[in-house]
N, C-alpha and C. Protein backbone atom coordinates (compact mmCIF):
# COMPACT_ATOMS: atom_id res chain seq x y z
N MET A 1 103.63 98.78 84.32
CA MET A 1 102.60 97.81 84.40
C MET A 1 103.84 96.64 84.32
N THR A 2 103.11 96.44 85.23
CA THR A 2 104.37 94.55 85.14
C THR A 2 103.05 93.45 84.77
N LYS A 3 104.14 92.52 83.36
CA LYS A 3 102.94 92.04 83.14
C LYS A 3 102.04 90.87 83.63
N PHE A 4 102.66 90.83 84.71
CA PHE A 4 101.81 89.38 85.42
C PHE A 4 101.02 89.90 86.07
N THR A 5 100.48 91.03 86.82
CA THR A 5 100.17 91.60 87.97
C THR A 5 99.12 92.32 87.25
N ARG A 6 98.34 92.31 87.81
CA ARG A 6 96.51 93.00 88.01
C ARG A 6 95.95 93.17 89.40
N TYR A 7 95.41 94.06 89.39
CA TYR A 7 94.69 94.62 90.52
C TYR A 7 92.93 94.10 91.22
N VAL A 8 92.88 93.93 92.24
CA VAL A 8 91.55 93.19 91.92
C VAL A 8 90.91 94.09 93.24
N ILE A 9 89.43 94.88 92.13
CA ILE A 9 89.15 96.01 93.48
C ILE A 9 87.76 95.31 93.75
N LEU A 10 87.88 94.50 95.04
CA LEU A 10 86.78 94.31 96.01
C LEU A 10 85.74 94.82 96.17
N LEU A 11 84.45 95.41 96.29
CA LEU A 11 83.04 95.91 95.96
C LEU A 11 82.13 95.58 96.95
N SER A 12 82.12 96.51 97.69
CA SER A 12 81.26 95.68 99.46
C SER A 12 79.95 97.17 99.70
N LEU A 13 78.94 96.96 99.45
CA LEU A 13 77.78 97.86 99.82
C LEU A 13 77.93 98.34 101.28
N ASN A 14 77.89 99.49 100.85
CA ASN A 14 77.48 100.28 102.53
C ASN A 14 76.78 100.03 102.75
N SER A 15 76.29 100.06 104.48
CA SER A 15 74.80 99.97 105.16
C SER A 15 74.50 100.70 105.10
N GLY A 16 72.85 100.89 105.01
CA GLY A 16 71.85 101.63 104.25
C GLY A 16 71.95 102.05 103.54
N LYS A 17 72.84 102.10 101.79
CA LYS A 17 73.03 102.46 101.16
C LYS A 17 72.74 101.10 99.85
N ARG A 18 72.08 101.93 98.47
CA ARG A 18 71.48 101.41 97.95
C ARG A 18 72.02 101.62 96.31
N LEU A 19 72.19 101.28 95.16
CA LEU A 19 72.37 101.35 94.12
C LEU A 19 71.13 101.13 93.04
N THR A 20 70.80 102.40 92.92
CA THR A 20 69.95 103.12 92.17
C THR A 20 70.19 102.90 90.22
N GLU A 21 69.14 103.14 89.27
CA GLU A 21 69.35 102.86 88.44
C GLU A 21 70.49 103.37 87.58
N ASP A 22 70.12 105.46 88.24
CA ASP A 22 71.13 106.08 87.64
C ASP A 22 72.91 105.78 88.10
N LEU A 23 73.75 105.08 88.98
CA LEU A 23 74.94 105.28 89.67
C LEU A 23 74.83 103.60 88.69
N ILE A 24 73.80 103.36 88.93
CA ILE A 24 74.52 101.52 88.05
C ILE A 24 74.80 102.35 86.20
N ARG A 25 73.93 102.89 85.56
CA ARG A 25 74.25 103.40 84.12
C ARG A 25 76.23 104.43 84.43
N LYS A 26 76.05 105.29 85.89
CA LYS A 26 77.30 105.79 85.75
C LYS A 26 78.69 104.73 85.97
N HIS A 27 78.53 103.87 86.93
CA HIS A 27 79.31 102.74 87.07
C HIS A 27 79.56 102.29 85.77
N ILE A 28 78.11 101.44 84.99
CA ILE A 28 78.74 101.33 83.59
C ILE A 28 79.16 101.68 82.62
N ALA A 29 79.35 103.62 82.12
CA ALA A 29 79.98 104.86 81.49
C ALA A 29 81.46 104.01 82.15
N PHE A 30 81.46 104.62 83.16
CA PHE A 30 83.40 103.83 83.61
C PHE A 30 83.68 102.35 82.84
N LEU A 31 82.62 102.16 83.77
CA LEU A 31 83.41 100.68 83.17
C LEU A 31 83.94 100.41 81.70
N ARG A 32 82.82 101.02 80.74
CA ARG A 32 83.57 101.31 79.11
C ARG A 32 84.62 102.58 79.09
N LYS A 33 84.76 103.22 79.76
CA LYS A 33 86.11 103.97 79.97
C LYS A 33 87.48 103.38 80.43
N LEU A 34 86.91 101.75 81.02
CA LEU A 34 88.38 101.53 81.62
C LEU A 34 88.62 100.69 80.84
N GLU A 35 87.96 100.12 80.02
CA GLU A 35 87.55 99.17 78.47
C GLU A 35 88.39 99.71 77.79
N GLN A 36 87.91 100.66 77.64
CA GLN A 36 88.38 101.99 76.21
C GLN A 36 90.01 102.12 75.96
N ASN A 37 90.12 101.67 77.87
CA ASN A 37 91.65 102.39 77.66
C ASN A 37 92.94 101.45 78.20
N GLY A 38 91.85 99.86 77.38
CA GLY A 38 93.00 98.53 78.28
C GLY A 38 92.96 98.40 79.41
N GLN A 39 92.29 98.93 80.44
CA GLN A 39 92.37 98.40 81.84
C GLN A 39 91.74 97.54 82.17
N LEU A 40 90.73 97.64 81.68
CA LEU A 40 89.29 96.32 82.03
C LEU A 40 89.69 95.49 82.11
N GLU A 41 89.73 94.13 82.83
CA GLU A 41 90.30 92.53 82.85
C GLU A 41 89.51 91.65 82.79
N LEU A 42 88.69 92.16 84.04
CA LEU A 42 87.35 91.02 84.32
C LEU A 42 86.29 92.37 85.20
N CYS A 43 85.24 92.01 84.82
CA CYS A 43 83.81 92.41 86.36
C CYS A 43 82.41 91.82 86.15
N GLY A 44 82.26 92.15 87.75
CA GLY A 44 80.97 91.41 87.46
C GLY A 44 80.06 91.93 89.09
N PRO A 45 79.18 91.73 89.56
CA PRO A 45 78.69 91.73 91.04
C PRO A 45 78.90 89.95 91.11
N LEU A 46 78.50 89.84 92.15
CA LEU A 46 78.98 88.74 93.73
C LEU A 46 78.19 88.11 94.02
N SER A 47 77.32 86.82 93.43
CA SER A 47 76.12 86.14 93.57
C SER A 47 75.55 85.82 95.02
N ASP A 48 77.02 85.36 95.38
CA ASP A 48 76.77 84.74 97.48
C ASP A 48 77.07 86.33 98.25
N TYR A 49 76.78 87.93 97.48
CA TYR A 49 77.54 88.91 98.48
C TYR A 49 77.23 89.83 98.02
N GLU A 50 76.64 91.06 98.71
CA GLU A 50 76.10 92.30 98.02
C GLU A 50 77.50 93.32 98.12
N GLY A 51 78.00 92.94 96.72
CA GLY A 51 78.89 93.86 95.91
C GLY A 51 79.47 93.22 94.63
N GLY A 52 80.28 93.62 93.68
CA GLY A 52 81.53 92.72 93.15
C GLY A 52 82.63 93.01 93.10
N MET A 53 83.08 92.66 91.73
CA MET A 53 84.37 92.57 91.60
C MET A 53 85.05 93.37 90.01
N VAL A 54 86.26 93.90 90.20
CA VAL A 54 86.24 94.62 89.12
C VAL A 54 88.28 94.59 88.96
N ILE A 55 88.46 94.10 87.55
CA ILE A 55 89.95 93.12 87.97
C ILE A 55 91.14 94.11 86.64
N ILE A 56 91.67 94.40 87.37
CA ILE A 56 92.67 95.85 86.09
C ILE A 56 93.43 95.74 85.78
N ARG A 57 94.48 96.45 85.09
CA ARG A 57 95.58 96.25 84.85
C ARG A 57 95.85 97.80 85.74
N ALA A 58 97.14 97.92 85.89
CA ALA A 58 97.09 99.39 86.00
C ALA A 58 98.79 99.06 85.87
N SER A 59 99.59 100.53 86.92
CA SER A 59 101.19 100.32 86.65
C SER A 59 100.94 100.61 88.12
N SER A 60 101.12 100.72 89.00
CA SER A 60 101.30 100.61 90.37
C SER A 60 99.86 100.38 91.35
N CYS A 61 100.27 100.15 92.12
CA CYS A 61 99.41 100.58 93.72
C CYS A 61 98.70 101.31 93.59
N GLU A 62 99.04 102.97 93.43
CA GLU A 62 98.32 104.05 93.64
C GLU A 62 97.32 104.14 92.47
N GLU A 63 97.96 103.72 91.09
CA GLU A 63 96.87 103.80 90.21
C GLU A 63 95.69 102.95 90.41
N ALA A 64 96.25 101.66 90.37
CA ALA A 64 94.87 100.60 90.81
C ALA A 64 94.12 101.63 92.26
N ARG A 65 94.56 102.48 92.68
CA ARG A 65 93.71 102.49 94.14
C ARG A 65 92.92 103.93 93.83
N SER A 66 93.78 104.81 92.57
CA SER A 66 93.12 105.76 92.50
C SER A 66 91.98 105.19 91.23
N VAL A 67 91.72 104.52 90.63
CA VAL A 67 90.90 103.68 90.11
C VAL A 67 89.48 103.53 90.21
N ALA A 68 89.61 103.01 91.09
CA ALA A 68 88.67 102.14 92.49
C ALA A 68 88.34 103.52 92.90
N GLU A 69 89.31 104.57 93.19
CA GLU A 69 88.03 105.50 94.64
C GLU A 69 87.30 106.63 93.45
N SER A 70 87.51 106.18 92.30
CA SER A 70 86.77 107.59 91.40
C SER A 70 85.63 106.60 90.47
N GLY A 71 85.55 105.69 90.15
CA GLY A 71 84.82 104.81 90.25
C GLY A 71 83.00 105.69 90.91
N PRO A 72 82.59 105.76 90.82
CA PRO A 72 81.03 106.10 91.11
C PRO A 72 80.02 105.14 92.71
N PHE A 73 80.72 104.29 92.57
CA PHE A 73 79.84 103.13 93.70
C PHE A 73 80.74 103.42 94.57
N VAL A 74 82.11 103.74 94.37
CA VAL A 74 82.87 104.84 95.59
C VAL A 74 83.18 105.56 96.32
N SER A 75 83.71 106.75 95.20
CA SER A 75 83.14 108.31 94.90
C SER A 75 81.91 108.63 95.50
N THR A 76 81.35 108.16 95.30
CA THR A 76 79.26 108.31 95.94
C THR A 76 79.41 108.24 97.61
N GLY A 77 80.54 107.16 97.84
CA GLY A 77 80.33 106.45 99.26
C GLY A 77 79.36 104.97 99.07
N THR A 78 78.54 104.80 98.20
CA THR A 78 77.19 104.08 98.22
C THR A 78 78.17 102.65 98.32
N GLU A 79 79.53 101.98 98.04
CA GLU A 79 79.68 101.02 98.35
C GLU A 79 81.91 101.20 98.70
N SER A 80 82.07 100.32 99.44
CA SER A 80 83.89 100.92 99.54
C SER A 80 84.41 99.73 99.42
N TYR A 81 85.77 99.84 99.16
CA TYR A 81 86.59 98.48 98.37
C TYR A 81 87.91 98.00 99.33
N GLU A 82 87.72 97.36 98.98
CA GLU A 82 90.03 96.57 99.20
C GLU A 82 90.41 96.33 98.23
N LEU A 83 91.70 96.25 98.14
CA LEU A 83 92.34 96.89 97.10
C LEU A 83 93.46 95.55 97.06
N ARG A 84 93.78 94.52 96.01
CA ARG A 84 94.18 93.28 96.07
C ARG A 84 95.25 93.61 94.95
N ALA A 85 96.75 92.95 95.16
CA ALA A 85 97.30 93.41 93.59
C ALA A 85 97.85 92.11 93.46
N TRP A 86 97.15 91.07 92.44
CA TRP A 86 97.68 89.85 92.39
C TRP A 86 97.82 89.31 90.88
N GLN A 87 98.84 87.86 91.64
CA GLN A 87 100.12 88.18 90.81
C GLN A 87 100.08 86.81 89.90
N LEU A 88 99.79 86.91 88.50
CA LEU A 88 99.40 85.74 87.61
C LEU A 88 100.68 84.42 87.24
N SER A 89 99.43 83.31 87.82
CA SER A 89 100.53 82.11 87.32
C SER A 89 100.24 81.91 86.21
N CYS A 90 100.90 81.22 85.33
CA CYS A 90 101.05 80.56 83.92
C CYS A 90 101.93 80.45 83.44
N GLU A 91 102.09 79.61 82.71
CA GLU A 91 102.73 78.80 81.85
C GLU A 91 103.93 79.95 81.21
N GLU A 92 104.07 81.09 80.74
CA GLU A 92 104.48 81.93 80.17
C GLU A 92 105.97 82.41 80.95
N ASN A 93 105.47 82.26 82.63
CA ASN A 93 106.41 83.32 83.69
C ASN A 93 106.73 81.53 84.39
N ASN A 94 106.43 80.35 83.98
CA ASN A 94 106.95 79.19 84.48
C ASN A 94 106.34 79.33 85.61
N HIS A 95 105.00 79.19 86.36
CA HIS A 95 103.82 79.65 87.20
C HIS A 95 105.05 80.17 88.60
N LEU A 96 105.57 81.84 88.24
CA LEU A 96 105.95 82.29 89.48
C LEU A 96 107.23 81.94 89.64
N GLY A 97 107.68 81.54 88.39
CA GLY A 97 109.49 80.41 88.33
C GLY A 97 109.78 79.55 88.94
N ALA A 98 108.02 78.99 89.76
CA ALA A 98 107.95 77.87 90.55
C ALA A 98 107.97 76.25 89.72
N GLY A 99 107.83 76.55 88.70
CA GLY A 99 107.21 75.39 87.80
C GLY A 99 108.59 74.99 87.25
């Protein structure tokens, strides 16, 4: 895991699908597992879009993809996802060496 990389999982509700209470509970259990493993950075639904975002720590893009695909929203086909590698700019890394 690179210290200054996070992976952003952008979730989108698939057409004709809906989130049931049972599925939401499974998603929350999944998020709790990520948090217990030290992988969960931030998460939540988007207020202006049918979907949400999960930001995780992972050792590689492949690991992040595996996490995304194992989530109940995606594994059931209820939501699709896009994966982005996010480079953190901060004082500790001199704003990606440009500061």
